[in-house]
């Protein structure tokens, strides 16, 4: 199951320390190139006012979510990642 996991890179752009937008890229390398290009466009003021953060995220289809929840319920996999953080919170509510 691990080998068929699809991931994307999320690049979040901040302006004056407030979130401006997030962009999703097919690979981390593409996100890195975008960040490099944007940084080249900034003058000194822009460098101080804009910042970036990045994260690799898993792409889930409906069937993938159901499959991972079932595998977790059956004890086949340990909770990890965003989906399982949500499941642990929901589990505590019941």
N, C-alpha and C. Protein backbone atom coordinates (compact mmCIF):
# COMPACT_ATOMS: atom_id res chain seq x y z
N UNK A 1 0.82 -1.18 0.00
CA UNK A 1 0.00 0.00 0.00
C UNK A 1 0.87 1.26 0.00
N UNK A 2 2.01 1.26 0.68
CA UNK A 2 2.86 2.44 0.75
C UNK A 2 3.33 2.91 -0.63
N UNK A 3 3.62 1.96 -1.54
CA UNK A 3 4.16 2.35 -2.82
C UNK A 3 3.16 3.09 -3.71
N UNK A 4 1.86 2.96 -3.47
CA UNK A 4 0.88 3.66 -4.31
C UNK A 4 0.43 4.98 -3.70
N UNK A 5 1.10 5.43 -2.67
CA UNK A 5 0.73 6.68 -2.00
C UNK A 5 1.21 7.86 -2.85
N UNK A 6 0.29 8.77 -3.19
CA UNK A 6 0.62 9.95 -3.98
C UNK A 6 0.77 11.14 -3.05
N UNK A 7 1.81 11.92 -3.27
CA UNK A 7 2.03 13.11 -2.45
C UNK A 7 2.15 14.35 -3.34
N UNK A 8 1.90 15.48 -2.74
CA UNK A 8 2.07 16.78 -3.39
C UNK A 8 2.82 17.69 -2.43
N UNK A 9 3.34 18.78 -2.97
CA UNK A 9 4.04 19.75 -2.14
C UNK A 9 3.18 20.99 -2.02
N UNK A 10 2.95 21.42 -0.79
CA UNK A 10 2.20 22.65 -0.54
C UNK A 10 3.19 23.74 -0.17
N UNK A 11 3.13 24.84 -0.89
CA UNK A 11 3.96 26.01 -0.61
C UNK A 11 3.03 27.11 -0.11
N UNK A 12 3.22 27.54 1.13
CA UNK A 12 2.41 28.60 1.70
C UNK A 12 3.21 29.89 1.67
N UNK A 13 2.57 30.94 1.19
CA UNK A 13 3.22 32.25 1.07
C UNK A 13 2.60 33.19 2.10
N UNK A 14 3.47 33.86 2.84
CA UNK A 14 3.06 34.80 3.88
C UNK A 14 3.48 36.21 3.47
N UNK A 15 2.62 37.17 3.74
CA UNK A 15 2.93 38.57 3.53
C UNK A 15 2.76 39.27 4.88
N UNK A 16 3.82 39.88 5.33
CA UNK A 16 3.84 40.51 6.66
C UNK A 16 3.36 39.54 7.74
N UNK A 17 3.87 38.32 7.67
CA UNK A 17 3.63 37.23 8.62
C UNK A 17 2.18 36.74 8.67
N UNK A 18 1.36 37.14 7.70
CA UNK A 18 0.00 36.62 7.60
C UNK A 18 -0.10 35.78 6.34
N UNK A 19 -0.81 34.69 6.44
CA UNK A 19 -0.95 33.78 5.30
C UNK A 19 -1.62 34.49 4.14
N UNK A 20 -0.95 34.50 3.00
CA UNK A 20 -1.50 35.12 1.80
C UNK A 20 -2.21 34.06 0.95
N UNK A 21 -1.51 32.95 0.69
CA UNK A 21 -2.08 31.88 -0.12
C UNK A 21 -1.24 30.62 0.01
N UNK A 22 -1.80 29.52 -0.45
CA UNK A 22 -1.05 28.27 -0.56
C UNK A 22 -1.18 27.77 -1.98
N UNK A 23 -0.09 27.24 -2.50
CA UNK A 23 -0.06 26.66 -3.84
C UNK A 23 0.30 25.19 -3.71
N UNK A 24 -0.32 24.36 -4.54
CA UNK A 24 -0.05 22.92 -4.52
C UNK A 24 0.72 22.56 -5.79
N UNK A 25 1.82 21.82 -5.63
CA UNK A 25 2.66 21.41 -6.75
C UNK A 25 2.78 19.89 -6.78
N UNK A 26 3.05 19.36 -7.95
CA UNK A 26 3.15 17.91 -8.12
C UNK A 26 4.38 17.33 -7.46
N UNK A 27 5.44 18.12 -7.33
CA UNK A 27 6.66 17.63 -6.68
C UNK A 27 7.27 18.72 -5.80
N UNK A 28 8.10 18.30 -4.88
CA UNK A 28 8.81 19.25 -4.02
C UNK A 28 9.76 20.10 -4.85
N UNK A 29 10.37 19.51 -5.87
CA UNK A 29 11.31 20.25 -6.71
C UNK A 29 10.61 21.40 -7.43
N UNK A 30 9.37 21.18 -7.89
CA UNK A 30 8.62 22.24 -8.55
C UNK A 30 8.32 23.37 -7.56
N UNK A 31 7.92 23.01 -6.35
CA UNK A 31 7.65 24.02 -5.32
C UNK A 31 8.92 24.80 -4.99
N UNK A 32 10.04 24.10 -4.87
CA UNK A 32 11.31 24.76 -4.58
C UNK A 32 11.68 25.76 -5.67
N UNK A 33 11.49 25.37 -6.93
CA UNK A 33 11.79 26.26 -8.06
C UNK A 33 10.91 27.50 -8.03
N UNK A 34 9.63 27.32 -7.72
CA UNK A 34 8.71 28.46 -7.62
C UNK A 34 9.17 29.42 -6.53
N UNK A 35 9.54 28.87 -5.40
CA UNK A 35 10.01 29.69 -4.26
C UNK A 35 11.28 30.44 -4.65
N UNK A 36 12.21 29.77 -5.31
CA UNK A 36 13.45 30.41 -5.76
C UNK A 36 13.16 31.55 -6.73
N UNK A 37 12.24 31.30 -7.68
CA UNK A 37 11.89 32.32 -8.67
C UNK A 37 11.26 33.54 -8.01
N UNK A 38 10.32 33.30 -7.09
CA UNK A 38 9.69 34.41 -6.39
C UNK A 38 10.71 35.22 -5.59
N UNK A 39 11.63 34.52 -4.94
CA UNK A 39 12.66 35.21 -4.15
C UNK A 39 13.54 36.09 -5.03
N UNK A 40 13.79 35.67 -6.27
CA UNK A 40 14.61 36.46 -7.19
C UNK A 40 13.91 37.76 -7.58
N UNK A 41 12.58 37.77 -7.53
CA UNK A 41 11.82 38.95 -7.93
C UNK A 41 11.73 40.01 -6.84
N UNK A 42 12.00 39.63 -5.59
CA UNK A 42 11.86 40.56 -4.48
C UNK A 42 13.03 41.53 -4.38
N UNK A 43 12.71 42.76 -4.02
CA UNK A 43 13.75 43.71 -3.63
C UNK A 43 13.95 43.54 -2.12
N UNK A 44 14.73 44.39 -1.49
CA UNK A 44 15.00 44.26 -0.04
C UNK A 44 13.72 44.32 0.79
N UNK A 45 12.81 45.22 0.42
CA UNK A 45 11.54 45.32 1.16
C UNK A 45 10.75 44.03 1.02
N UNK A 46 10.68 43.49 -0.19
CA UNK A 46 9.96 42.24 -0.43
C UNK A 46 10.54 41.08 0.35
N UNK A 47 11.86 41.03 0.44
CA UNK A 47 12.52 39.96 1.20
C UNK A 47 12.12 39.99 2.67
N UNK A 48 11.88 41.19 3.21
CA UNK A 48 11.50 41.33 4.61
C UNK A 48 10.01 41.03 4.83
N UNK A 49 9.19 41.33 3.83
CA UNK A 49 7.74 41.23 4.01
C UNK A 49 7.14 39.90 3.57
N UNK A 50 7.83 39.16 2.73
CA UNK A 50 7.33 37.87 2.26
C UNK A 50 8.14 36.74 2.87
N UNK A 51 7.46 35.66 3.22
CA UNK A 51 8.14 34.45 3.69
C UNK A 51 7.37 33.24 3.19
N UNK A 52 7.99 32.08 3.32
CA UNK A 52 7.42 30.85 2.77
C UNK A 52 7.54 29.72 3.79
N UNK A 53 6.64 28.75 3.68
CA UNK A 53 6.79 27.49 4.38
C UNK A 53 6.30 26.40 3.43
N UNK A 54 6.77 25.20 3.64
CA UNK A 54 6.39 24.11 2.76
C UNK A 54 6.08 22.85 3.53
N UNK A 55 5.27 22.01 2.91
CA UNK A 55 4.90 20.75 3.54
C UNK A 55 4.55 19.74 2.44
N UNK A 56 4.92 18.49 2.66
CA UNK A 56 4.54 17.42 1.75
C UNK A 56 3.26 16.80 2.31
N UNK A 57 2.25 16.68 1.45
CA UNK A 57 0.96 16.15 1.87
C UNK A 57 0.54 14.98 1.00
N UNK A 58 -0.19 14.06 1.61
CA UNK A 58 -0.72 12.91 0.90
C UNK A 58 -2.02 13.28 0.21
N UNK A 59 -2.19 12.80 -1.02
CA UNK A 59 -3.43 12.99 -1.76
C UNK A 59 -4.30 11.77 -1.50
N UNK A 60 -5.53 11.99 -1.06
CA UNK A 60 -6.45 10.90 -0.75
C UNK A 60 -7.61 10.88 -1.74
N UNK A 61 -7.93 9.70 -2.23
CA UNK A 61 -9.19 9.50 -2.95
C UNK A 61 -10.19 8.97 -1.93
N UNK A 62 -11.46 8.95 -2.30
CA UNK A 62 -12.47 8.42 -1.39
C UNK A 62 -12.18 6.98 -1.01
N UNK A 63 -11.80 6.17 -1.99
CA UNK A 63 -11.52 4.75 -1.71
C UNK A 63 -10.28 4.61 -0.82
N UNK A 64 -9.31 5.49 -1.01
CA UNK A 64 -8.09 5.44 -0.21
C UNK A 64 -8.40 5.74 1.27
N UNK A 65 -9.26 6.72 1.51
CA UNK A 65 -9.65 7.07 2.88
C UNK A 65 -10.33 5.88 3.54
N UNK A 66 -11.29 5.28 2.84
CA UNK A 66 -12.02 4.12 3.38
C UNK A 66 -11.05 2.97 3.67
N UNK A 67 -10.14 2.72 2.73
CA UNK A 67 -9.16 1.64 2.88
C UNK A 67 -8.26 1.87 4.10
N UNK A 68 -7.76 3.08 4.27
CA UNK A 68 -6.88 3.35 5.41
C UNK A 68 -7.62 3.27 6.73
N UNK A 69 -8.86 3.75 6.78
CA UNK A 69 -9.65 3.66 8.02
C UNK A 69 -9.91 2.20 8.36
N UNK A 70 -10.26 1.39 7.35
CA UNK A 70 -10.50 -0.04 7.59
C UNK A 70 -9.22 -0.72 8.08
N UNK A 71 -8.09 -0.44 7.43
CA UNK A 71 -6.82 -1.04 7.87
C UNK A 71 -6.47 -0.61 9.30
N UNK A 72 -6.77 0.63 9.67
CA UNK A 72 -6.52 1.09 11.03
C UNK A 72 -7.42 0.37 12.00
N UNK A 73 -8.73 0.23 11.66
CA UNK A 73 -9.67 -0.48 12.53
C UNK A 73 -9.27 -1.94 12.71
N UNK A 74 -8.73 -2.55 11.66
CA UNK A 74 -8.31 -3.96 11.71
C UNK A 74 -6.95 -4.14 12.37
N UNK A 75 -6.31 -3.04 12.78
CA UNK A 75 -5.01 -3.11 13.43
C UNK A 75 -3.86 -3.38 12.49
N UNK A 76 -4.06 -3.19 11.18
CA UNK A 76 -3.00 -3.46 10.20
C UNK A 76 -2.01 -2.31 10.08
N UNK A 77 -2.42 -1.08 10.40
CA UNK A 77 -1.52 0.06 10.31
C UNK A 77 -1.70 0.93 11.55
N UNK A 78 -0.64 1.66 11.88
CA UNK A 78 -0.67 2.60 13.00
C UNK A 78 -1.11 3.97 12.50
N UNK A 79 -1.85 4.69 13.31
CA UNK A 79 -2.25 6.04 12.92
C UNK A 79 -1.05 6.95 12.70
N UNK A 80 -1.03 7.66 11.55
CA UNK A 80 -0.04 8.70 11.28
C UNK A 80 -0.57 9.63 10.20
N UNK A 81 -0.02 10.81 10.17
CA UNK A 81 -0.43 11.78 9.17
C UNK A 81 -1.71 12.50 9.54
N UNK A 82 -2.10 13.42 8.69
CA UNK A 82 -3.26 14.28 8.94
C UNK A 82 -4.54 13.49 9.11
N UNK A 83 -4.78 12.51 8.24
CA UNK A 83 -6.00 11.72 8.32
C UNK A 83 -6.12 11.04 9.67
N UNK A 84 -5.03 10.48 10.16
CA UNK A 84 -5.10 9.76 11.41
C UNK A 84 -5.13 10.69 12.62
N UNK A 85 -4.58 11.86 12.51
CA UNK A 85 -4.73 12.84 13.59
C UNK A 85 -6.21 13.18 13.74
N UNK A 86 -6.91 13.31 12.62
CA UNK A 86 -8.35 13.59 12.65
C UNK A 86 -9.10 12.40 13.25
N UNK A 87 -8.74 11.18 12.88
CA UNK A 87 -9.40 9.99 13.40
C UNK A 87 -9.21 9.89 14.91
N UNK A 88 -8.00 10.18 15.41
CA UNK A 88 -7.76 10.10 16.85
C UNK A 88 -8.62 11.11 17.60
N UNK A 89 -8.77 12.30 17.05
CA UNK A 89 -9.62 13.31 17.69
C UNK A 89 -11.07 12.86 17.70
N UNK A 90 -11.56 12.35 16.56
CA UNK A 90 -12.94 11.87 16.48
C UNK A 90 -13.16 10.70 17.44
N UNK A 91 -12.16 9.83 17.54
CA UNK A 91 -12.26 8.67 18.43
C UNK A 91 -12.41 9.10 19.89
N UNK A 92 -11.71 10.17 20.27
CA UNK A 92 -11.81 10.68 21.65
C UNK A 92 -13.17 11.30 21.94
N UNK A 93 -13.86 11.76 20.91
CA UNK A 93 -15.16 12.39 21.09
C UNK A 93 -16.27 11.37 21.30
N UNK A 94 -16.04 10.13 20.92
CA UNK A 94 -17.07 9.08 21.06
C UNK A 94 -16.86 8.24 22.28
